[in-house]
Amino acid sequence: MNAFKSASVILPVLNETYSLRQTVDTIEATCAQDVGEYVIVVCERTKPESLAVCREITQMLGVRCSLHFQKRPFVGGAIRDGFDLARCSHVVMMSSDLETDPALVHTLIEVAKEYPDGIATASRWIKGGQFEGYSPVKLVANYLFQKMFSVLYGTRLSDLTYAYRIFPCSLVRGIRWEELKHPFFLETAIKPLRLGVSIREIPAVWRARTEGESINPFMANFTYFRIAITTRFCRRDRILVPGQSSCQP
């Protein structure tokens, strides 16, 4: 049984400055009492001006914020490093570019308090959710991908690829993760589904980033199918870290 005590918020940073500040400021204003730490993850490609903001935030928050240079490559690698570093009972996966509305961290945490053994995830497709500034072609493709993945996994979840979730730390440390790029975000939904973990959705509004450039080209979305198919048909014990019989503490 996982009791919610506090949350670690993982923030990968590449070229964000004011959006990173706004993300942290919003979380602090809405649910600072429930956030035990921020884990800011940077890499060799992180812009100098972004690094400066990271250090500014670290200095402002003191022991509640740590800055780490990632060991694994790419955005999925950054989050996986953050999973390893998280010290709280639960961990929030999100972005620092405002495409994941930081005001919703409070809502995710409230769901985690009520259902501490499950996952709470944001959805752009349920009532109350929407896309703003999203390419019409990408919107149609996203809708079709979500439908295909939900049918493949026999789930009513509407947004399996959105990188905005809260998990019990014991769960993310018990799963054998494989992906390093954007398909990792799908992996964080489908592997728990295969293990029978309950996932609850909350509505979210996705807004196109106004700072920096996206590092997820459209054609890369088709690489999601490999992890979707291999995970669907692999043995459940292969989803777990070797030596573990479950993801519970």
C-alpha atoms as a PDB file:
ATOM      1  CA  MET A   1       0.000   0.000   0.000  1.00  0.00           C
ATOM      2  CA  ASN A   2       1.395   3.395  -1.040  1.00  0.00           C
ATOM      3  CA  ALA A   3       0.370   6.298   1.184  1.00  0.00           C
ATOM      4  CA  PHE A   4       0.819   9.745  -0.338  1.00  0.00           C
ATOM      5  CA  LYS A   5       3.344  11.742   1.688  1.00  0.00           C
ATOM      6  CA  SER A   6       4.793  14.185  -0.824  1.00  0.00           C
ATOM      7  CA  ALA A   7       5.646  14.475  -4.506  1.00  0.00           C
ATOM      8  CA  SER A   8       8.874  14.793  -6.442  1.00  0.00           C
ATOM      9  CA  VAL A   9       8.397  16.959  -9.550  1.00  0.00           C
ATOM     10  CA  ILE A  10      10.741  16.120 -12.443  1.00  0.00           C
ATOM     11  CA  LEU A  11      11.506  19.020 -14.784  1.00  0.00           C
ATOM     12  CA  PRO A  12      13.686  18.289 -17.838  1.00  0.00           C
ATOM     13  CA  VAL A  13      15.149  21.523 -19.204  1.00  0.00           C
ATOM     14  CA  LEU A  14      16.605  22.182 -22.655  1.00  0.00           C
ATOM     15  CA  ASN A  15      15.826  25.740 -23.794  1.00  0.00           C
ATOM     16  CA  GLU A  16      13.209  26.996 -21.312  1.00  0.00           C
ATOM     17  CA  THR A  17      13.648  30.154 -19.231  1.00  0.00           C
ATOM     18  CA  TYR A  18      10.508  32.170 -18.406  1.00  0.00           C
ATOM     19  CA  SER A  19       8.302  29.100 -18.913  1.00  0.00           C
ATOM     20  CA  LEU A  20      10.403  27.170 -16.387  1.00  0.00           C
ATOM     21  CA  ARG A  21      10.084  30.015 -13.879  1.00  0.00           C
ATOM     22  CA  GLN A  22       6.315  30.169 -14.426  1.00  0.00           C
ATOM     23  CA  THR A  23       6.017  26.404 -14.012  1.00  0.00           C
ATOM     24  CA  VAL A  24       7.765  26.431 -10.641  1.00  0.00           C
ATOM     25  CA  ASP A  25       6.022  29.613  -9.466  1.00  0.00           C
ATOM     26  CA  THR A  26       2.594  28.176 -10.278  1.00  0.00           C
ATOM     27  CA  ILE A  27       3.263  24.898  -8.493  1.00  0.00           C
ATOM     28  CA  GLU A  28       4.614  26.747  -5.465  1.00  0.00           C
ATOM     29  CA  ALA A  29       1.540  28.991  -5.376  1.00  0.00           C
ATOM     30  CA  THR A  30      -0.957  26.132  -5.607  1.00  0.00           C
ATOM     31  CA  CYS A  31       0.500  23.119  -3.791  1.00  0.00           C
ATOM     32  CA  ALA A  32       3.944  23.845  -2.311  1.00  0.00           C
ATOM     33  CA  GLN A  33       2.978  22.013   0.888  1.00  0.00           C
ATOM     34  CA  ASP A  34       2.612  18.740  -1.050  1.00  0.00           C
ATOM     35  CA  VAL A  35       5.762  19.036  -3.186  1.00  0.00           C
ATOM     36  CA  GLY A  36       8.739  17.653  -1.331  1.00  0.00           C
ATOM     37  CA  GLU A  37      11.274  18.368  -4.046  1.00  0.00           C
ATOM     38  CA  TYR A  38      11.944  19.486  -7.599  1.00  0.00           C
ATOM     39  CA  VAL A  39      14.380  17.414  -9.642  1.00  0.00           C
ATOM     40  CA  ILE A  40      15.656  19.580 -12.506  1.00  0.00           C
ATOM     41  CA  VAL A  41      17.419  17.524 -15.178  1.00  0.00           C
ATOM     42  CA  VAL A  42      19.693  19.173 -17.762  1.00  0.00           C
ATOM     43  CA  CYS A  43      22.070  17.945 -20.441  1.00  0.00           C
ATOM     44  CA  GLU A  44      24.991  19.158 -22.535  1.00  0.00           C
ATOM     45  CA  ARG A  45      22.539  20.743 -25.016  1.00  0.00           C
ATOM     46  CA  THR A  46      20.761  22.807 -22.350  1.00  0.00           C
ATOM     47  CA  LYS A  47      21.114  26.496 -23.248  1.00  0.00           C
ATOM     48  CA  PRO A  48      23.350  28.631 -20.970  1.00  0.00           C
ATOM     49  CA  GLU A  49      20.471  31.004 -20.243  1.00  0.00           C
ATOM     50  CA  SER A  50      18.315  28.033 -19.215  1.00  0.00           C
ATOM     51  CA  LEU A  51      21.050  26.724 -16.943  1.00  0.00           C
ATOM     52  CA  ALA A  52      21.207  30.142 -15.313  1.00  0.00           C
ATOM     53  CA  VAL A  53      17.475  29.976 -14.517  1.00  0.00           C
ATOM     54  CA  CYS A  54      17.876  26.430 -13.180  1.00  0.00           C
ATOM     55  CA  ARG A  55      20.580  27.593 -10.786  1.00  0.00           C
ATOM     56  CA  GLU A  56      18.466  30.586  -9.777  1.00  0.00           C
ATOM     57  CA  ILE A  57      15.538  28.298  -8.904  1.00  0.00           C
ATOM     58  CA  THR A  58      17.822  25.878  -7.065  1.00  0.00           C
ATOM     59  CA  GLN A  59      19.193  28.716  -4.972  1.00  0.00           C
ATOM     60  CA  MET A  60      15.691  30.050  -4.275  1.00  0.00           C
ATOM     61  CA  LEU A  61      14.256  26.689  -3.153  1.00  0.00           C
ATOM     62  CA  GLY A  62      17.347  25.410  -1.345  1.00  0.00           C
ATOM     63  CA  VAL A  63      17.186  21.764  -0.248  1.00  0.00           C
ATOM     64  CA  ARG A  64      13.800  21.347  -1.990  1.00  0.00           C
ATOM     65  CA  CYS A  65      15.430  21.582  -5.422  1.00  0.00           C
ATOM     66  CA  SER A  66      18.314  19.671  -6.967  1.00  0.00           C
ATOM     67  CA  LEU A  67      20.023  20.089 -10.340  1.00  0.00           C
ATOM     68  CA  HIS A  68      21.294  17.017 -12.188  1.00  0.00           C
ATOM     69  CA  PHE A  69      23.116  16.462 -15.470  1.00  0.00           C
ATOM     70  CA  GLN A  70      21.453  13.490 -17.095  1.00  0.00           C
ATOM     71  CA  LYS A  71      23.297  10.227 -17.667  1.00  0.00           C
ATOM     72  CA  ARG A  72      20.867   8.614 -20.103  1.00  0.00           C
ATOM     73  CA  PRO A  73      20.315  10.400 -23.448  1.00  0.00           C
ATOM     74  CA  PHE A  74      17.200  12.144 -24.788  1.00  0.00           C
ATOM     75  CA  VAL A  75      14.006  13.246 -23.054  1.00  0.00           C
ATOM     76  CA  GLY A  76      12.941   9.768 -21.959  1.00  0.00           C
ATOM     77  CA  GLY A  77      16.386   9.261 -20.502  1.00  0.00           C
ATOM     78  CA  ALA A  78      16.061  12.509 -18.566  1.00  0.00           C
ATOM     79  CA  ILE A  79      12.772  11.372 -16.990  1.00  0.00           C
ATOM     80  CA  ARG A  80      14.186   7.930 -16.223  1.00  0.00           C
ATOM     81  CA  ASP A  81      17.116   9.579 -14.461  1.00  0.00           C
ATOM     82  CA  GLY A  82      14.585  11.630 -12.527  1.00  0.00           C
ATOM     83  CA  PHE A  83      12.715   8.468 -11.507  1.00  0.00           C
ATOM     84  CA  ASP A  84      15.956   7.109 -10.052  1.00  0.00           C
ATOM     85  CA  LEU A  85      16.630  10.332  -8.154  1.00  0.00           C
ATOM     86  CA  ALA A  86      13.136  10.969  -6.738  1.00  0.00           C
ATOM     87  CA  ARG A  87      12.991  10.703  -2.941  1.00  0.00           C
ATOM     88  CA  CYS A  88       9.282  11.253  -2.239  1.00  0.00           C
ATOM     89  CA  SER A  89       6.378   8.801  -2.114  1.00  0.00           C
ATOM     90  CA  HIS A  90       5.093   9.911  -5.537  1.00  0.00           C
ATOM     91  CA  VAL A  91       6.628  11.436  -8.638  1.00  0.00           C
ATOM     92  CA  VAL A  92       5.205  13.863 -11.210  1.00  0.00           C
ATOM     93  CA  MET A  93       6.265  13.596 -14.858  1.00  0.00           C
ATOM     94  CA  MET A  94       5.740  16.845 -16.759  1.00  0.00           C
ATOM     95  CA  SER A  95       7.491  19.383 -18.987  1.00  0.00           C
ATOM     96  CA  SER A  96       8.933  22.794 -18.183  1.00  0.00           C
ATOM     97  CA  ASP A  97       7.654  24.548 -21.340  1.00  0.00           C
ATOM     98  CA  LEU A  98       4.023  25.092 -20.193  1.00  0.00           C
ATOM     99  CA  GLU A  99       2.621  22.472 -22.595  1.00  0.00           C
ATOM    100  CA  THR A 100       1.726  20.711 -19.348  1.00  0.00           C
ATOM    101  CA  ASP A 101      -0.327  23.233 -17.362  1.00  0.00           C
ATOM    102  CA  PRO A 102       1.442  23.516 -13.980  1.00  0.00           C
ATOM    103  CA  ALA A 103      -1.809  24.500 -12.270  1.00  0.00           C
ATOM    104  CA  LEU A 104      -2.917  20.870 -12.687  1.00  0.00           C
ATOM    105  CA  VAL A 105      -0.155  19.478 -10.459  1.00  0.00           C
ATOM    106  CA  HIS A 106      -2.444  20.273  -7.534  1.00  0.00           C
ATOM    107  CA  THR A 107      -5.266  18.211  -9.087  1.00  0.00           C
ATOM    108  CA  LEU A 108      -2.977  15.278  -9.876  1.00  0.00           C
ATOM    109  CA  ILE A 109      -1.768  15.269  -6.282  1.00  0.00           C
ATOM    110  CA  GLU A 110      -5.316  15.326  -4.935  1.00  0.00           C
ATOM    111  CA  VAL A 111      -6.144  12.237  -7.009  1.00  0.00           C
ATOM    112  CA  ALA A 112      -2.949  10.559  -5.792  1.00  0.00           C
ATOM    113  CA  LYS A 113      -3.974  11.228  -2.193  1.00  0.00           C
ATOM    114  CA  GLU A 114      -7.295   9.470  -2.770  1.00  0.00           C
ATOM    115  CA  TYR A 115      -5.875   6.616  -4.888  1.00  0.00           C
ATOM    116  CA  PRO A 116      -2.215   6.365  -3.827  1.00  0.00           C
ATOM    117  CA  ASP A 117      -1.572   2.982  -5.475  1.00  0.00           C
ATOM    118  CA  GLY A 118      -2.703   4.129  -8.917  1.00  0.00           C
ATOM    119  CA  ILE A 119      -1.689   6.648 -11.557  1.00  0.00           C
ATOM    120  CA  ALA A 120      -3.387   9.959 -12.272  1.00  0.00           C
ATOM    121  CA  THR A 121      -2.871  11.235 -15.801  1.00  0.00           C
ATOM    122  CA  ALA A 122      -3.889  14.316 -17.758  1.00  0.00           C
ATOM    123  CA  SER A 123      -6.002  13.930 -20.894  1.00  0.00           C
ATOM    124  CA  ARG A 124      -6.546  16.384 -23.707  1.00  0.00           C
ATOM    125  CA  TRP A 125      -9.398  14.331 -25.157  1.00  0.00           C
ATOM    126  CA  ILE A 126     -11.943  14.005 -22.350  1.00  0.00           C
ATOM    127  CA  LYS A 127     -14.569  16.649 -21.539  1.00  0.00           C
ATOM    128  CA  GLY A 128     -12.843  19.791 -20.315  1.00  0.00           C
ATOM    129  CA  GLY A 129      -9.619  19.044 -22.176  1.00  0.00           C
ATOM    130  CA  GLN A 130      -8.530  20.524 -25.489  1.00  0.00           C
ATOM    131  CA  PHE A 131      -5.658  21.524 -27.773  1.00  0.00           C
ATOM    132  CA  GLU A 132      -4.669  25.119 -28.485  1.00  0.00           C
ATOM    133  CA  GLY A 133      -2.223  25.889 -31.281  1.00  0.00           C
ATOM    134  CA  TYR A 134      -1.952  22.266 -32.413  1.00  0.00           C
ATOM    135  CA  SER A 135      -1.470  21.462 -36.084  1.00  0.00           C
ATOM    136  CA  PRO A 136      -4.726  20.093 -37.629  1.00  0.00           C
ATOM    137  CA  VAL A 137      -2.792  17.244 -39.261  1.00  0.00           C
ATOM    138  CA  LYS A 138      -1.125  16.322 -35.978  1.00  0.00           C
ATOM    139  CA  LEU A 139      -4.468  16.598 -34.194  1.00  0.00           C
ATOM    140  CA  VAL A 140      -6.095  14.026 -36.490  1.00  0.00           C
ATOM    141  CA  ALA A 141      -3.064  11.755 -36.239  1.00  0.00           C
ATOM    142  CA  ASN A 142      -3.045  12.047 -32.451  1.00  0.00           C
ATOM    143  CA  TYR A 143      -6.725  11.127 -32.265  1.00  0.00           C
ATOM    144  CA  LEU A 144      -6.210   8.070 -34.482  1.00  0.00           C
ATOM    145  CA  PHE A 145      -3.140   6.959 -32.535  1.00  0.00           C
ATOM    146  CA  GLN A 146      -5.025   7.222 -29.234  1.00  0.00           C
ATOM    147  CA  LYS A 147      -7.907   5.153 -30.594  1.00  0.00           C
ATOM    148  CA  MET A 148      -5.586   2.466 -31.970  1.00  0.00           C
ATOM    149  CA  PHE A 149      -3.626   2.221 -28.734  1.00  0.00           C
ATOM    150  CA  SER A 150      -6.780   2.094 -26.594  1.00  0.00           C
ATOM    151  CA  VAL A 151      -8.212  -0.717 -28.730  1.00  0.00           C
ATOM    152  CA  LEU A 152      -4.899  -2.608 -28.629  1.00  0.00           C
ATOM    153  CA  TYR A 153      -4.867  -2.454 -24.829  1.00  0.00           C
ATOM    154  CA  GLY A 154      -8.596  -2.804 -24.262  1.00  0.00           C
ATOM    155  CA  THR A 155      -8.785   0.399 -22.244  1.00  0.00           C
ATOM    156  CA  ARG A 156     -11.123   3.384 -22.180  1.00  0.00           C
ATOM    157  CA  LEU A 157      -8.257   5.773 -21.464  1.00  0.00           C
ATOM    158  CA  SER A 158      -8.267   8.568 -24.015  1.00  0.00           C
ATOM    159  CA  ASP A 159      -4.715   9.975 -23.940  1.00  0.00           C
ATOM    160  CA  LEU A 160      -1.970   7.399 -23.565  1.00  0.00           C
ATOM    161  CA  THR A 161       0.855   9.531 -24.984  1.00  0.00           C
ATOM    162  CA  TYR A 162       0.570  12.766 -22.974  1.00  0.00           C
ATOM    163  CA  ALA A 163       3.633  13.218 -20.752  1.00  0.00           C
ATOM    164  CA  TYR A 164       1.791  14.503 -17.686  1.00  0.00           C
ATOM    165  CA  ARG A 165       1.262  11.981 -14.879  1.00  0.00           C
ATOM    166  CA  ILE A 166       1.795  11.223 -11.214  1.00  0.00           C
ATOM    167  CA  PHE A 167       2.959   7.759 -10.128  1.00  0.00           C
ATOM    168  CA  PRO A 168       3.898   6.014  -6.889  1.00  0.00           C
ATOM    169  CA  CYS A 169       7.699   5.961  -6.767  1.00  0.00           C
ATOM    170  CA  SER A 170       7.642   2.258  -5.937  1.00  0.00           C
ATOM    171  CA  LEU A 171       5.875   1.638  -9.263  1.00  0.00           C
ATOM    172  CA  VAL A 172       8.302   3.499 -11.518  1.00  0.00           C
ATOM    173  CA  ARG A 173      11.269   1.868  -9.805  1.00  0.00           C
ATOM    174  CA  GLY A 174       9.792  -1.590 -10.212  1.00  0.00           C
ATOM    175  CA  ILE A 175       9.270  -1.400 -13.993  1.00  0.00           C
ATOM    176  CA  ARG A 176      11.928  -2.233 -16.560  1.00  0.00           C
ATOM    177  CA  TRP A 177      11.854   0.822 -18.831  1.00  0.00           C
ATOM    178  CA  GLU A 178      13.222   0.556 -22.368  1.00  0.00           C
ATOM    179  CA  GLU A 179      12.556   3.745 -24.317  1.00  0.00           C
ATOM    180  CA  LEU A 180      14.745   6.858 -24.299  1.00  0.00           C
ATOM    181  CA  LYS A 181      12.927   9.149 -26.718  1.00  0.00           C
ATOM    182  CA  HIS A 182       9.283  10.329 -26.853  1.00  0.00           C
ATOM    183  CA  PRO A 183       7.770   6.786 -27.059  1.00  0.00           C
ATOM    184  CA  PHE A 184       8.785   6.541 -23.400  1.00  0.00           C
ATOM    185  CA  PHE A 185       5.693   8.595 -22.558  1.00  0.00           C
ATOM    186  CA  LEU A 186       3.458   5.909 -24.061  1.00  0.00           C
ATOM    187  CA  GLU A 187       5.509   3.267 -22.262  1.00  0.00           C
ATOM    188  CA  THR A 188       4.709   4.913 -18.903  1.00  0.00           C
ATOM    189  CA  ALA A 189       1.019   4.208 -19.523  1.00  0.00           C
ATOM    190  CA  ILE A 190       0.979   0.816 -21.204  1.00  0.00           C
ATOM    191  CA  LYS A 191       3.388  -1.051 -18.931  1.00  0.00           C
ATOM    192  CA  PRO A 192       1.400  -0.141 -15.805  1.00  0.00           C
ATOM    193  CA  LEU A 193      -1.770  -1.124 -17.689  1.00  0.00           C
ATOM    194  CA  ARG A 194      -0.299  -4.569 -18.404  1.00  0.00           C
ATOM    195  CA  LEU A 195       0.451  -4.896 -14.690  1.00  0.00           C
ATOM    196  CA  GLY A 196      -3.141  -4.087 -13.760  1.00  0.00           C
ATOM    197  CA  VAL A 197      -2.432  -0.667 -12.256  1.00  0.00           C
ATOM    198  CA  SER A 198      -5.464   1.616 -12.194  1.00  0.00           C
ATOM    199  CA  ILE A 199      -5.147   4.882 -14.144  1.00  0.00           C
ATOM    200  CA  ARG A 200      -7.509   7.823 -13.708  1.00  0.00           C
ATOM    201  CA  GLU A 201      -7.754  10.753 -16.118  1.00  0.00           C
ATOM    202  CA  ILE A 202      -8.245  14.449 -15.427  1.00  0.00           C
ATOM    203  CA  PRO A 203      -8.947  16.993 -18.209  1.00  0.00           C
ATOM    204  CA  ALA A 204      -6.091  19.174 -19.411  1.00  0.00           C
ATOM    205  CA  VAL A 205      -5.695  21.984 -21.927  1.00  0.00           C
ATOM    206  CA  TRP A 206      -2.587  21.648 -24.079  1.00  0.00           C
ATOM    207  CA  ARG A 207      -1.166  24.950 -25.320  1.00  0.00           C
ATOM    208  CA  ALA A 208       1.650  25.174 -27.853  1.00  0.00           C
ATOM    209  CA  ARG A 209       4.918  26.271 -26.327  1.00  0.00           C
ATOM    210  CA  THR A 210       5.919  29.877 -26.908  1.00  0.00           C
ATOM    211  CA  GLU A 211       9.580  29.377 -26.052  1.00  0.00           C
ATOM    212  CA  GLY A 212      12.139  27.301 -27.916  1.00  0.00           C
ATOM    213  CA  GLU A 213      11.377  24.593 -30.450  1.00  0.00           C
ATOM    214  CA  SER A 214       9.829  21.157 -30.122  1.00  0.00           C
ATOM    215  CA  ILE A 215      12.246  18.230 -30.342  1.00  0.00           C
ATOM    216  CA  ASN A 216       9.559  15.740 -31.389  1.00  0.00           C
ATOM    217  CA  PRO A 217       9.208  15.765 -35.206  1.00  0.00           C
ATOM    218  CA  PHE A 218       5.903  14.507 -36.580  1.00  0.00           C
ATOM    219  CA  MET A 219       7.284  11.374 -38.271  1.00  0.00           C
ATOM    220  CA  ALA A 220       8.824  10.267 -34.983  1.00  0.00           C
ATOM    221  CA  ASN A 221       5.288   9.567 -33.742  1.00  0.00           C
ATOM    222  CA  PHE A 222       5.197   6.378 -35.792  1.00  0.00           C
ATOM    223  CA  THR A 223       7.993   4.926 -33.649  1.00  0.00           C
ATOM    224  CA  TYR A 224       5.446   4.604 -30.821  1.00  0.00           C
ATOM    225  CA  PHE A 225       4.062   1.460 -32.438  1.00  0.00           C
ATOM    226  CA  ARG A 226       7.129  -0.664 -31.679  1.00  0.00           C
ATOM    227  CA  ILE A 227       6.870  -0.310 -27.904  1.00  0.00           C
ATOM    228  CA  ALA A 228       3.069  -0.541 -28.080  1.00  0.00           C
ATOM    229  CA  ILE A 229       3.150  -3.906 -29.852  1.00  0.00           C
ATOM    230  CA  THR A 230       6.089  -5.471 -28.003  1.00  0.00           C
ATOM    231  CA  THR A 231       4.658  -4.507 -24.609  1.00  0.00           C
ATOM    232  CA  ARG A 232       1.186  -5.776 -25.484  1.00  0.00           C
ATOM    233  CA  PHE A 233       2.416  -9.267 -26.269  1.00  0.00           C
ATOM    234  CA  CYS A 234       5.362  -9.747 -23.920  1.00  0.00           C
ATOM    235  CA  ARG A 235       5.163 -11.738 -20.692  1.00  0.00           C
ATOM    236  CA  ARG A 236       4.205  -9.636 -17.686  1.00  0.00           C
ATOM    237  CA  ASP A 237       7.263 -10.721 -15.731  1.00  0.00           C
ATOM    238  CA  ARG A 238       9.442  -9.129 -18.414  1.00  0.00           C
ATOM    239  CA  ILE A 239       7.897  -5.749 -17.599  1.00  0.00           C
ATOM    240  CA  LEU A 240       9.320  -5.868 -14.085  1.00  0.00           C
ATOM    241  CA  VAL A 241      12.871  -5.146 -12.983  1.00  0.00           C
ATOM    242  CA  PRO A 242      14.638  -8.543 -12.687  1.00  0.00           C
ATOM    243  CA  GLY A 243      14.223 -10.023  -9.238  1.00  0.00           C
ATOM    244  CA  GLN A 244      10.921  -8.272  -8.479  1.00  0.00           C
ATOM    245  CA  SER A 245       7.609 -10.086  -8.355  1.00  0.00           C
ATOM    246  CA  SER A 246       5.559  -6.906  -8.145  1.00  0.00           C
ATOM    247  CA  CYS A 247       5.866  -3.125  -8.091  1.00  0.00           C
ATOM    248  CA  GLN A 248       4.615  -2.741  -4.536  1.00  0.00           C
ATOM    249  CA  PRO A 249       7.001  -1.812  -1.716  1.00  0.00           C
END
